[in-house]
Amino acid sequence: MQDIADAKSAQATESLPVEFADRLLAGDNPLRVWRDHRGLTLQALAVQCGVTRQMLSMIEHGKANASADLLHKLAVALGCDMDDLHA
């Protein structure tokens, strides 16, 4: 039974475009790369996560760090793992 669940999980893995990986390798902020990939504005993501647009901008520009709670909310909103959002 576990093998079937593992196979289904592997099929559900999202494919990401080469440009996505290129941006991460170039050093772009992972939060911004994920946000752009999902087609979300700063404002839309901020509303989903209950923070200000300015706060997200500061995180994307390396001027602030997200708390563990906010990282969790961002990961849920962006459909990724919290570890994917670390710069």
C-alpha atoms as a PDB file:
ATOM      1  CA  MET A   1       0.000   0.000   0.000  1.00  0.00           C
ATOM      2  CA  GLN A   2       2.816   2.431   0.824  1.00  0.00           C
ATOM      3  CA  ASP A   3       4.351   1.844  -2.621  1.00  0.00           C
ATOM      4  CA  ILE A   4       1.102   2.949  -4.259  1.00  0.00           C
ATOM      5  CA  ALA A   5       0.962   6.075  -2.101  1.00  0.00           C
ATOM      6  CA  ASP A   6       4.609   6.864  -2.923  1.00  0.00           C
ATOM      7  CA  ALA A   7       3.956   6.434  -6.646  1.00  0.00           C
ATOM      8  CA  LYS A   8       0.946   8.739  -6.542  1.00  0.00           C
ATOM      9  CA  SER A   9       2.936  11.312  -4.620  1.00  0.00           C
ATOM     10  CA  ALA A  10       5.752  11.186  -7.182  1.00  0.00           C
ATOM     11  CA  GLN A  11       3.255  11.741 -10.003  1.00  0.00           C
ATOM     12  CA  ALA A  12       1.938  14.841  -8.249  1.00  0.00           C
ATOM     13  CA  THR A  13       5.403  16.430  -8.150  1.00  0.00           C
ATOM     14  CA  GLU A  14       5.373  19.775  -9.888  1.00  0.00           C
ATOM     15  CA  SER A  15       7.698  20.427 -12.804  1.00  0.00           C
ATOM     16  CA  LEU A  16       9.335  23.826 -12.677  1.00  0.00           C
ATOM     17  CA  PRO A  17      10.547  25.732 -15.735  1.00  0.00           C
ATOM     18  CA  VAL A  18      14.245  26.133 -16.464  1.00  0.00           C
ATOM     19  CA  GLU A  19      13.898  29.894 -15.974  1.00  0.00           C
ATOM     20  CA  PHE A  20      12.810  29.243 -12.391  1.00  0.00           C
ATOM     21  CA  ALA A  21      15.996  27.307 -11.649  1.00  0.00           C
ATOM     22  CA  ASP A  22      18.108  29.837 -13.544  1.00  0.00           C
ATOM     23  CA  ARG A  23      16.812  32.663 -11.364  1.00  0.00           C
ATOM     24  CA  LEU A  24      17.557  30.765  -8.174  1.00  0.00           C
ATOM     25  CA  LEU A  25      21.047  29.887  -9.406  1.00  0.00           C
ATOM     26  CA  ALA A  26      21.611  33.545 -10.304  1.00  0.00           C
ATOM     27  CA  GLY A  27      20.904  34.474  -6.686  1.00  0.00           C
ATOM     28  CA  ASP A  28      17.393  35.896  -6.978  1.00  0.00           C
ATOM     29  CA  ASN A  29      15.453  35.849  -3.735  1.00  0.00           C
ATOM     30  CA  PRO A  30      13.555  32.529  -3.530  1.00  0.00           C
ATOM     31  CA  LEU A  31      10.426  34.207  -2.164  1.00  0.00           C
ATOM     32  CA  ARG A  32      10.266  36.496  -5.179  1.00  0.00           C
ATOM     33  CA  VAL A  33      10.979  33.653  -7.611  1.00  0.00           C
ATOM     34  CA  TRP A  34       8.156  31.568  -6.141  1.00  0.00           C
ATOM     35  CA  ARG A  35       5.800  34.566  -5.991  1.00  0.00           C
ATOM     36  CA  ASP A  36       6.485  35.442  -9.622  1.00  0.00           C
ATOM     37  CA  HIS A  37       6.106  31.790 -10.641  1.00  0.00           C
ATOM     38  CA  ARG A  38       2.667  31.691  -9.019  1.00  0.00           C
ATOM     39  CA  GLY A  39       1.696  34.991 -10.660  1.00  0.00           C
ATOM     40  CA  LEU A  40       1.046  36.766  -7.369  1.00  0.00           C
ATOM     41  CA  THR A  41       1.629  40.417  -6.622  1.00  0.00           C
ATOM     42  CA  LEU A  42       3.185  41.461  -3.340  1.00  0.00           C
ATOM     43  CA  GLN A  43      -0.224  42.769  -2.276  1.00  0.00           C
ATOM     44  CA  ALA A  44      -2.072  39.552  -3.114  1.00  0.00           C
ATOM     45  CA  LEU A  45       0.440  37.403  -1.245  1.00  0.00           C
ATOM     46  CA  ALA A  46       0.472  39.804   1.690  1.00  0.00           C
ATOM     47  CA  VAL A  47      -3.304  39.593   2.015  1.00  0.00           C
ATOM     48  CA  GLN A  48      -3.206  35.782   1.912  1.00  0.00           C
ATOM     49  CA  CYS A  49      -0.560  35.700   4.650  1.00  0.00           C
ATOM     50  CA  GLY A  50      -1.901  38.505   6.845  1.00  0.00           C
ATOM     51  CA  VAL A  51       1.116  40.810   6.553  1.00  0.00           C
ATOM     52  CA  THR A  52       1.833  44.078   4.804  1.00  0.00           C
ATOM     53  CA  ARG A  53       3.087  44.429   1.272  1.00  0.00           C
ATOM     54  CA  GLN A  54       5.969  46.443   2.669  1.00  0.00           C
ATOM     55  CA  MET A  55       7.023  43.584   4.947  1.00  0.00           C
ATOM     56  CA  LEU A  56       7.140  41.137   2.053  1.00  0.00           C
ATOM     57  CA  SER A  57       9.105  43.639  -0.001  1.00  0.00           C
ATOM     58  CA  MET A  58      11.628  44.006   2.808  1.00  0.00           C
ATOM     59  CA  ILE A  59      11.996  40.208   3.007  1.00  0.00           C
ATOM     60  CA  GLU A  60      12.469  39.936  -0.754  1.00  0.00           C
ATOM     61  CA  HIS A  61      15.158  42.643  -0.657  1.00  0.00           C
ATOM     62  CA  GLY A  62      16.994  41.066   2.292  1.00  0.00           C
ATOM     63  CA  LYS A  63      16.154  43.908   4.679  1.00  0.00           C
ATOM     64  CA  ALA A  64      14.055  41.741   7.019  1.00  0.00           C
ATOM     65  CA  ASN A  65      13.745  38.091   7.955  1.00  0.00           C
ATOM     66  CA  ALA A  66      10.486  36.200   8.042  1.00  0.00           C
ATOM     67  CA  SER A  67       9.467  34.497  11.268  1.00  0.00           C
ATOM     68  CA  ALA A  68       8.906  30.742  11.217  1.00  0.00           C
ATOM     69  CA  ASP A  69       5.158  31.383  11.374  1.00  0.00           C
ATOM     70  CA  LEU A  70       5.267  33.712   8.374  1.00  0.00           C
ATOM     71  CA  LEU A  71       7.508  31.315   6.426  1.00  0.00           C
ATOM     72  CA  HIS A  72       4.917  28.611   7.014  1.00  0.00           C
ATOM     73  CA  LYS A  73       2.096  30.863   5.774  1.00  0.00           C
ATOM     74  CA  LEU A  74       4.136  31.859   2.714  1.00  0.00           C
ATOM     75  CA  ALA A  75       4.967  28.241   1.915  1.00  0.00           C
ATOM     76  CA  VAL A  76       1.305  27.239   2.137  1.00  0.00           C
ATOM     77  CA  ALA A  77       0.218  30.184  -0.030  1.00  0.00           C
ATOM     78  CA  LEU A  78       2.922  29.458  -2.621  1.00  0.00           C
ATOM     79  CA  GLY A  79       2.542  25.680  -2.580  1.00  0.00           C
ATOM     80  CA  CYS A  80       6.150  24.974  -1.642  1.00  0.00           C
ATOM     81  CA  ASP A  81       8.202  23.860   1.345  1.00  0.00           C
ATOM     82  CA  MET A  82       9.423  26.341   3.921  1.00  0.00           C
ATOM     83  CA  ASP A  83      12.997  25.326   3.039  1.00  0.00           C
ATOM     84  CA  ASP A  84      12.369  26.446  -0.548  1.00  0.00           C
ATOM     85  CA  LEU A  85      11.995  30.051   0.652  1.00  0.00           C
ATOM     86  CA  HIS A  86      15.363  30.439   2.372  1.00  0.00           C
ATOM     87  CA  ALA A  87      17.751  32.774   0.604  1.00  0.00           C
END
